[in-house]
Amino acid sequence: MASPDLSGRDRLAVMGGTDDATHVVRHVLDDVGPSYRPVGQASLIEALIGAIRGLSPIPEFYWMETSAVPDSPAVGVEWLDEVRVKEATSLFDRFFPDSFAQPEDGGAHRWAGIVDSLGSRERPEPLAVAADVWSAADCGFLAGVCVHPSARGRGLAQAVCGFVIEALVRRHGRAALMVHADNQAAIAVYERLGMTKRLLRAAQVVSP
């Protein structure tokens, strides 16, 4: 399935046996062009990379999901109003500029966050945020998780993610996200919230 501009990329979702997938992907890429990135189970994409000239691997990542409401309470988290969402833009500019979900792009349905001050003389600001973004009817999607470095180690990421996951499960019946396979700290947070993981990989077309 070819999906243009899905979370900032042209993506080609691939499932099936290796031989059939190789035949189909080779012809589809000829039709849709080199901007599309095949994505699917890690073993299948690795097979396509070996079979289709010009495909290069992209680091593995996990698709994580749950259909259960998290057990841990989300203390101090709220849905952010427009003013707080604009303030969260600075958080991404400074600490997570490569995030697919950004407050300034307007693509999220809503942003949740913890607003607090870093010190007694500092004004309150969003210290941890996460977005309900690109959700579908039967699966809510979480992205744009960002925590101020000076506020890390306080459980803020777990709280804000748990808050959004609960809302997504109650509305859609399931919540999901994607995370780089080497981001062990984030994976541990999501597993504590009851999410299970499945290893995926993507590939990109490179010029000869």
C-alpha atoms as a PDB file:
ATOM      1  CA  MET A   1       0.000   0.000   0.000  1.00  0.00           C
ATOM      2  CA  ALA A   2       1.525   3.308  -1.110  1.00  0.00           C
ATOM      3  CA  SER A   3       0.818   6.222   1.214  1.00  0.00           C
ATOM      4  CA  PRO A   4       2.176   9.654   0.246  1.00  0.00           C
ATOM      5  CA  ASP A   5       3.463  12.030   2.909  1.00  0.00           C
ATOM      6  CA  LEU A   6       2.689   9.726   5.832  1.00  0.00           C
ATOM      7  CA  SER A   7       4.318  11.356   8.888  1.00  0.00           C
ATOM      8  CA  GLY A   8       6.560  13.359   6.585  1.00  0.00           C
ATOM      9  CA  ARG A   9       7.614  10.504   4.269  1.00  0.00           C
ATOM     10  CA  ASP A  10       6.251   8.712   1.207  1.00  0.00           C
ATOM     11  CA  ARG A  11       5.867   5.149   2.493  1.00  0.00           C
ATOM     12  CA  LEU A  12       5.170   1.776   0.932  1.00  0.00           C
ATOM     13  CA  ALA A  13       3.725  -0.702   3.440  1.00  0.00           C
ATOM     14  CA  VAL A  14       4.719  -4.267   2.489  1.00  0.00           C
ATOM     15  CA  MET A  15       3.416  -7.651   3.675  1.00  0.00           C
ATOM     16  CA  GLY A  16       3.550 -11.160   2.228  1.00  0.00           C
ATOM     17  CA  GLY A  17       6.022 -13.774   1.092  1.00  0.00           C
ATOM     18  CA  THR A  18       9.484 -12.763  -0.044  1.00  0.00           C
ATOM     19  CA  ASP A  19       9.145 -13.790  -3.703  1.00  0.00           C
ATOM     20  CA  ASP A  20       5.762 -12.132  -4.200  1.00  0.00           C
ATOM     21  CA  ALA A  21       6.785  -9.008  -2.294  1.00  0.00           C
ATOM     22  CA  THR A  22       9.982  -8.664  -4.325  1.00  0.00           C
ATOM     23  CA  HIS A  23       8.055  -8.853  -7.597  1.00  0.00           C
ATOM     24  CA  VAL A  24       5.380  -6.371  -6.483  1.00  0.00           C
ATOM     25  CA  VAL A  25       7.688  -3.858  -4.800  1.00  0.00           C
ATOM     26  CA  ARG A  26      10.035  -3.750  -7.785  1.00  0.00           C
ATOM     27  CA  HIS A  27       7.158  -2.812 -10.103  1.00  0.00           C
ATOM     28  CA  VAL A  28       5.431  -0.452  -7.667  1.00  0.00           C
ATOM     29  CA  LEU A  29       8.628   1.523  -7.111  1.00  0.00           C
ATOM     30  CA  ASP A  30       8.909   1.944 -10.875  1.00  0.00           C
ATOM     31  CA  ASP A  31       5.407   3.456 -10.839  1.00  0.00           C
ATOM     32  CA  VAL A  32       5.456   5.645  -7.714  1.00  0.00           C
ATOM     33  CA  GLY A  33       9.090   6.739  -7.812  1.00  0.00           C
ATOM     34  CA  PRO A  34      12.165   6.595  -5.542  1.00  0.00           C
ATOM     35  CA  SER A  35      10.780   8.838  -2.796  1.00  0.00           C
ATOM     36  CA  TYR A  36       8.711   5.920  -1.442  1.00  0.00           C
ATOM     37  CA  ARG A  37      10.292   3.886   1.355  1.00  0.00           C
ATOM     38  CA  PRO A  38       9.261   0.224   1.734  1.00  0.00           C
ATOM     39  CA  VAL A  39       8.427  -0.586   5.356  1.00  0.00           C
ATOM     40  CA  GLY A  40       7.415  -3.865   6.982  1.00  0.00           C
ATOM     41  CA  GLN A  41       8.632  -6.764   9.102  1.00  0.00           C
ATOM     42  CA  ALA A  42      12.399  -6.513   9.540  1.00  0.00           C
ATOM     43  CA  SER A  43      13.101  -9.932   7.980  1.00  0.00           C
ATOM     44  CA  LEU A  44      10.995  -9.157   4.899  1.00  0.00           C
ATOM     45  CA  ILE A  45      12.590  -5.765   4.282  1.00  0.00           C
ATOM     46  CA  GLU A  46      16.053  -7.295   4.682  1.00  0.00           C
ATOM     47  CA  ALA A  47      15.145  -9.837   1.999  1.00  0.00           C
ATOM     48  CA  LEU A  48      13.942  -7.055  -0.320  1.00  0.00           C
ATOM     49  CA  ILE A  49      17.192  -5.143   0.204  1.00  0.00           C
ATOM     50  CA  GLY A  50      19.108  -8.229  -0.910  1.00  0.00           C
ATOM     51  CA  ALA A  51      16.883  -8.786  -3.934  1.00  0.00           C
ATOM     52  CA  ILE A  52      16.175  -5.302  -5.303  1.00  0.00           C
ATOM     53  CA  ARG A  53      19.039  -3.232  -6.597  1.00  0.00           C
ATOM     54  CA  GLY A  54      19.255   0.268  -5.170  1.00  0.00           C
ATOM     55  CA  LEU A  55      17.518  -0.402  -1.846  1.00  0.00           C
ATOM     56  CA  SER A  56      19.485   0.623   1.229  1.00  0.00           C
ATOM     57  CA  PRO A  57      18.559  -0.179   4.862  1.00  0.00           C
ATOM     58  CA  ILE A  58      17.312   2.314   7.422  1.00  0.00           C
ATOM     59  CA  PRO A  59      17.838   1.531  11.142  1.00  0.00           C
ATOM     60  CA  GLU A  60      15.332  -0.852  12.699  1.00  0.00           C
ATOM     61  CA  PHE A  61      12.475   0.386  14.841  1.00  0.00           C
ATOM     62  CA  TYR A  62       9.660  -1.064  16.893  1.00  0.00           C
ATOM     63  CA  TRP A  63       5.949  -0.757  16.390  1.00  0.00           C
ATOM     64  CA  MET A  64       4.541  -0.788  19.924  1.00  0.00           C
ATOM     65  CA  GLU A  65       0.876  -1.048  20.863  1.00  0.00           C
ATOM     66  CA  THR A  66      -1.622  -1.840  23.587  1.00  0.00           C
ATOM     67  CA  SER A  67      -5.368  -2.242  23.941  1.00  0.00           C
ATOM     68  CA  ALA A  68      -5.287  -1.867  27.728  1.00  0.00           C
ATOM     69  CA  VAL A  69      -5.509   1.273  29.829  1.00  0.00           C
ATOM     70  CA  PRO A  70      -2.212   1.807  31.736  1.00  0.00           C
ATOM     71  CA  ASP A  71      -2.206   0.961  35.439  1.00  0.00           C
ATOM     72  CA  SER A  72       0.003   3.866  36.505  1.00  0.00           C
ATOM     73  CA  PRO A  73      -1.734   7.185  37.265  1.00  0.00           C
ATOM     74  CA  ALA A  74      -0.902  10.173  35.056  1.00  0.00           C
ATOM     75  CA  VAL A  75      -0.454  12.836  37.734  1.00  0.00           C
ATOM     76  CA  GLY A  76      -0.215  16.479  36.686  1.00  0.00           C
ATOM     77  CA  VAL A  77      -0.909  15.925  32.973  1.00  0.00           C
ATOM     78  CA  GLU A  78      -3.428  18.008  31.028  1.00  0.00           C
ATOM     79  CA  TRP A  79      -4.481  18.706  27.461  1.00  0.00           C
ATOM     80  CA  LEU A  80      -2.664  21.864  26.413  1.00  0.00           C
ATOM     81  CA  ASP A  81      -4.421  24.959  25.130  1.00  0.00           C
ATOM     82  CA  GLU A  82      -3.161  26.905  22.106  1.00  0.00           C
ATOM     83  CA  VAL A  83      -0.874  29.103  24.179  1.00  0.00           C
ATOM     84  CA  ARG A  84       0.854  26.152  25.851  1.00  0.00           C
ATOM     85  CA  VAL A  85       1.163  24.282  22.536  1.00  0.00           C
ATOM     86  CA  LYS A  86       2.974  27.301  21.063  1.00  0.00           C
ATOM     87  CA  GLU A  87       5.250  27.350  24.108  1.00  0.00           C
ATOM     88  CA  ALA A  88       6.050  23.669  23.521  1.00  0.00           C
ATOM     89  CA  THR A  89       7.487  24.602  20.108  1.00  0.00           C
ATOM     90  CA  SER A  90      10.598  25.890  21.871  1.00  0.00           C
ATOM     91  CA  LEU A  91      11.020  22.517  23.584  1.00  0.00           C
ATOM     92  CA  PHE A  92      11.296  20.788  20.192  1.00  0.00           C
ATOM     93  CA  ASP A  93      13.449  23.502  18.619  1.00  0.00           C
ATOM     94  CA  ARG A  94      16.008  23.088  21.401  1.00  0.00           C
ATOM     95  CA  PHE A  95      15.901  19.389  22.222  1.00  0.00           C
ATOM     96  CA  PHE A  96      14.055  17.359  19.555  1.00  0.00           C
ATOM     97  CA  PRO A  97      14.176  19.139  16.163  1.00  0.00           C
ATOM     98  CA  ASP A  98      13.965  15.840  14.230  1.00  0.00           C
ATOM     99  CA  SER A  99      10.612  14.787  15.684  1.00  0.00           C
ATOM    100  CA  PHE A 100       8.056  13.811  13.024  1.00  0.00           C
ATOM    101  CA  ALA A 101       5.297  15.403  15.136  1.00  0.00           C
ATOM    102  CA  GLN A 102       5.882  19.074  15.907  1.00  0.00           C
ATOM    103  CA  PRO A 103       3.592  21.568  17.668  1.00  0.00           C
ATOM    104  CA  GLU A 104       4.099  24.134  14.930  1.00  0.00           C
ATOM    105  CA  ASP A 105       3.033  21.899  12.020  1.00  0.00           C
ATOM    106  CA  GLY A 106      -0.594  21.696  13.188  1.00  0.00           C
ATOM    107  CA  GLY A 107      -0.905  18.016  12.302  1.00  0.00           C
ATOM    108  CA  ALA A 108      -1.762  16.714  15.768  1.00  0.00           C
ATOM    109  CA  HIS A 109      -5.326  16.319  17.004  1.00  0.00           C
ATOM    110  CA  ARG A 110      -4.221  17.510  20.441  1.00  0.00           C
ATOM    111  CA  TRP A 111      -1.186  17.809  22.697  1.00  0.00           C
ATOM    112  CA  ALA A 112      -0.898  16.716  26.312  1.00  0.00           C
ATOM    113  CA  GLY A 113       1.734  17.974  28.697  1.00  0.00           C
ATOM    114  CA  ILE A 114       3.023  18.683  32.152  1.00  0.00           C
ATOM    115  CA  VAL A 115       3.422  22.394  32.838  1.00  0.00           C
ATOM    116  CA  ASP A 116       5.734  23.282  35.691  1.00  0.00           C
ATOM    117  CA  SER A 117       8.763  25.391  36.526  1.00  0.00           C
ATOM    118  CA  LEU A 118      12.334  24.139  36.646  1.00  0.00           C
ATOM    119  CA  GLY A 119      13.124  26.267  39.690  1.00  0.00           C
ATOM    120  CA  SER A 120      11.486  28.553  42.190  1.00  0.00           C
ATOM    121  CA  ARG A 121      12.380  31.620  40.140  1.00  0.00           C
ATOM    122  CA  GLU A 122      11.453  30.164  36.763  1.00  0.00           C
ATOM    123  CA  ARG A 123       8.058  30.687  35.142  1.00  0.00           C
ATOM    124  CA  PRO A 124       5.944  27.568  34.411  1.00  0.00           C
ATOM    125  CA  GLU A 125       6.387  26.040  30.945  1.00  0.00           C
ATOM    126  CA  PRO A 126       5.692  22.707  29.235  1.00  0.00           C
ATOM    127  CA  LEU A 127       8.357  20.315  30.535  1.00  0.00           C
ATOM    128  CA  ALA A 128       7.028  17.091  28.997  1.00  0.00           C
ATOM    129  CA  VAL A 129       4.639  16.692  26.067  1.00  0.00           C
ATOM    130  CA  ALA A 130       3.151  14.045  23.774  1.00  0.00           C
ATOM    131  CA  ALA A 131       0.648  14.193  20.916  1.00  0.00           C
ATOM    132  CA  ASP A 132      -2.452  12.393  19.701  1.00  0.00           C
ATOM    133  CA  VAL A 133      -1.584  12.473  15.995  1.00  0.00           C
ATOM    134  CA  TRP A 134      -2.402  10.533  12.798  1.00  0.00           C
ATOM    135  CA  SER A 135      -4.947   8.425  14.690  1.00  0.00           C
ATOM    136  CA  ALA A 136      -7.319   6.165  12.742  1.00  0.00           C
ATOM    137  CA  ALA A 137     -10.768   4.864  13.631  1.00  0.00           C
ATOM    138  CA  ASP A 138      -9.521   1.659  15.285  1.00  0.00           C
ATOM    139  CA  CYS A 139      -6.041   2.748  16.371  1.00  0.00           C
ATOM    140  CA  GLY A 140      -4.927   5.910  18.130  1.00  0.00           C
ATOM    141  CA  PHE A 141      -1.347   7.010  17.490  1.00  0.00           C
ATOM    142  CA  LEU A 142       1.097   8.601  19.927  1.00  0.00           C
ATOM    143  CA  ALA A 143       4.081  10.669  18.780  1.00  0.00           C
ATOM    144  CA  GLY A 144       6.029  13.808  19.595  1.00  0.00           C
ATOM    145  CA  VAL A 145       7.207  12.707  23.041  1.00  0.00           C
ATOM    146  CA  CYS A 146       9.652  15.275  24.377  1.00  0.00           C
ATOM    147  CA  VAL A 147      10.932  15.992  27.891  1.00  0.00           C
ATOM    148  CA  HIS A 148      13.102  18.933  28.942  1.00  0.00           C
ATOM    149  CA  PRO A 149      16.566  17.515  29.789  1.00  0.00           C
ATOM    150  CA  SER A 150      16.579  19.258  33.184  1.00  0.00           C
ATOM    151  CA  ALA A 151      13.309  17.536  34.085  1.00  0.00           C
ATOM    152  CA  ARG A 152      14.322  13.990  33.137  1.00  0.00           C
ATOM    153  CA  GLY A 153      14.434  11.259  35.769  1.00  0.00           C
ATOM    154  CA  ARG A 154      11.201  12.423  37.396  1.00  0.00           C
ATOM    155  CA  GLY A 155       8.841  10.056  35.587  1.00  0.00           C
ATOM    156  CA  LEU A 156       7.356  12.813  33.417  1.00  0.00           C
ATOM    157  CA  ALA A 157       7.634  10.852  30.160  1.00  0.00           C
ATOM    158  CA  GLN A 158       5.756   7.901  31.647  1.00  0.00           C
ATOM    159  CA  ALA A 159       3.075  10.183  33.046  1.00  0.00           C
ATOM    160  CA  VAL A 160       2.424  12.131  29.856  1.00  0.00           C
ATOM    161  CA  CYS A 161       2.552   9.018  27.638  1.00  0.00           C
ATOM    162  CA  GLY A 162       0.273   7.108  29.997  1.00  0.00           C
ATOM    163  CA  PHE A 163      -2.219   9.983  29.886  1.00  0.00           C
ATOM    164  CA  VAL A 164      -2.327   9.983  26.059  1.00  0.00           C
ATOM    165  CA  ILE A 165      -2.366   6.177  25.788  1.00  0.00           C
ATOM    166  CA  GLU A 166      -5.343   5.987  28.128  1.00  0.00           C
ATOM    167  CA  ALA A 167      -7.236   8.564  26.063  1.00  0.00           C
ATOM    168  CA  LEU A 168      -6.411   6.757  22.810  1.00  0.00           C
ATOM    169  CA  VAL A 169      -7.438   3.319  24.092  1.00  0.00           C
ATOM    170  CA  ARG A 170     -10.723   4.652  25.430  1.00  0.00           C
ATOM    171  CA  ARG A 171     -11.509   6.408  22.146  1.00  0.00           C
ATOM    172  CA  HIS A 172     -10.099   3.973  19.560  1.00  0.00           C
ATOM    173  CA  GLY A 173      -9.734   0.671  21.419  1.00  0.00           C
ATOM    174  CA  ARG A 174      -5.979   0.564  20.758  1.00  0.00           C
ATOM    175  CA  ALA A 175      -2.951   2.850  21.038  1.00  0.00           C
ATOM    176  CA  ALA A 176       0.306   2.566  19.079  1.00  0.00           C
ATOM    177  CA  LEU A 177       3.595   4.325  18.446  1.00  0.00           C
ATOM    178  CA  MET A 178       6.942   3.834  16.710  1.00  0.00           C
ATOM    179  CA  VAL A 179      10.325   4.034  18.438  1.00  0.00           C
ATOM    180  CA  HIS A 180      13.906   3.503  17.277  1.00  0.00           C
ATOM    181  CA  ALA A 181      15.150   0.049  18.259  1.00  0.00           C
ATOM    182  CA  ASP A 182      18.216   1.488  20.008  1.00  0.00           C
ATOM    183  CA  ASN A 183      16.201   3.864  22.230  1.00  0.00           C
ATOM    184  CA  GLN A 184      16.181   1.548  25.212  1.00  0.00           C
ATOM    185  CA  ALA A 185      15.107   4.196  27.730  1.00  0.00           C
ATOM    186  CA  ALA A 186      11.952   5.038  25.775  1.00  0.00           C
ATOM    187  CA  ILE A 187      11.170   1.370  25.102  1.00  0.00           C
ATOM    188  CA  ALA A 188      11.353   0.648  28.834  1.00  0.00           C
ATOM    189  CA  VAL A 189       8.855   3.456  29.525  1.00  0.00           C
ATOM    190  CA  TYR A 190       6.414   2.133  26.943  1.00  0.00           C
ATOM    191  CA  GLU A 191       6.731  -1.442  28.218  1.00  0.00           C
ATOM    192  CA  ARG A 192       5.967  -0.260  31.749  1.00  0.00           C
ATOM    193  CA  LEU A 193       2.790   1.223  30.291  1.00  0.00           C
ATOM    194  CA  GLY A 194       1.791  -2.208  28.977  1.00  0.00           C
ATOM    195  CA  MET A 195       2.837  -1.881  25.336  1.00  0.00           C
ATOM    196  CA  THR A 196       4.212  -4.821  23.352  1.00  0.00           C
ATOM    197  CA  LYS A 197       6.693  -4.430  20.504  1.00  0.00           C
ATOM    198  CA  ARG A 198       7.202  -5.781  16.988  1.00  0.00           C
ATOM    199  CA  LEU A 199      10.448  -5.251  15.075  1.00  0.00           C
ATOM    200  CA  LEU A 200      10.097  -3.408  11.759  1.00  0.00           C
ATOM    201  CA  ARG A 201      12.491  -1.970   9.228  1.00  0.00           C
ATOM    202  CA  ALA A 202      12.362   0.442   6.312  1.00  0.00           C
ATOM    203  CA  ALA A 203      14.507   0.856   3.228  1.00  0.00           C
ATOM    204  CA  GLN A 204      15.221   3.759   0.909  1.00  0.00           C
ATOM    205  CA  VAL A 205      16.060   3.972  -2.756  1.00  0.00           C
ATOM    206  CA  VAL A 206      19.564   5.317  -3.296  1.00  0.00           C
ATOM    207  CA  SER A 207      21.042   6.619  -6.506  1.00  0.00           C
ATOM    208  CA  PRO A 208      23.572   4.303  -8.182  1.00  0.00           C
END
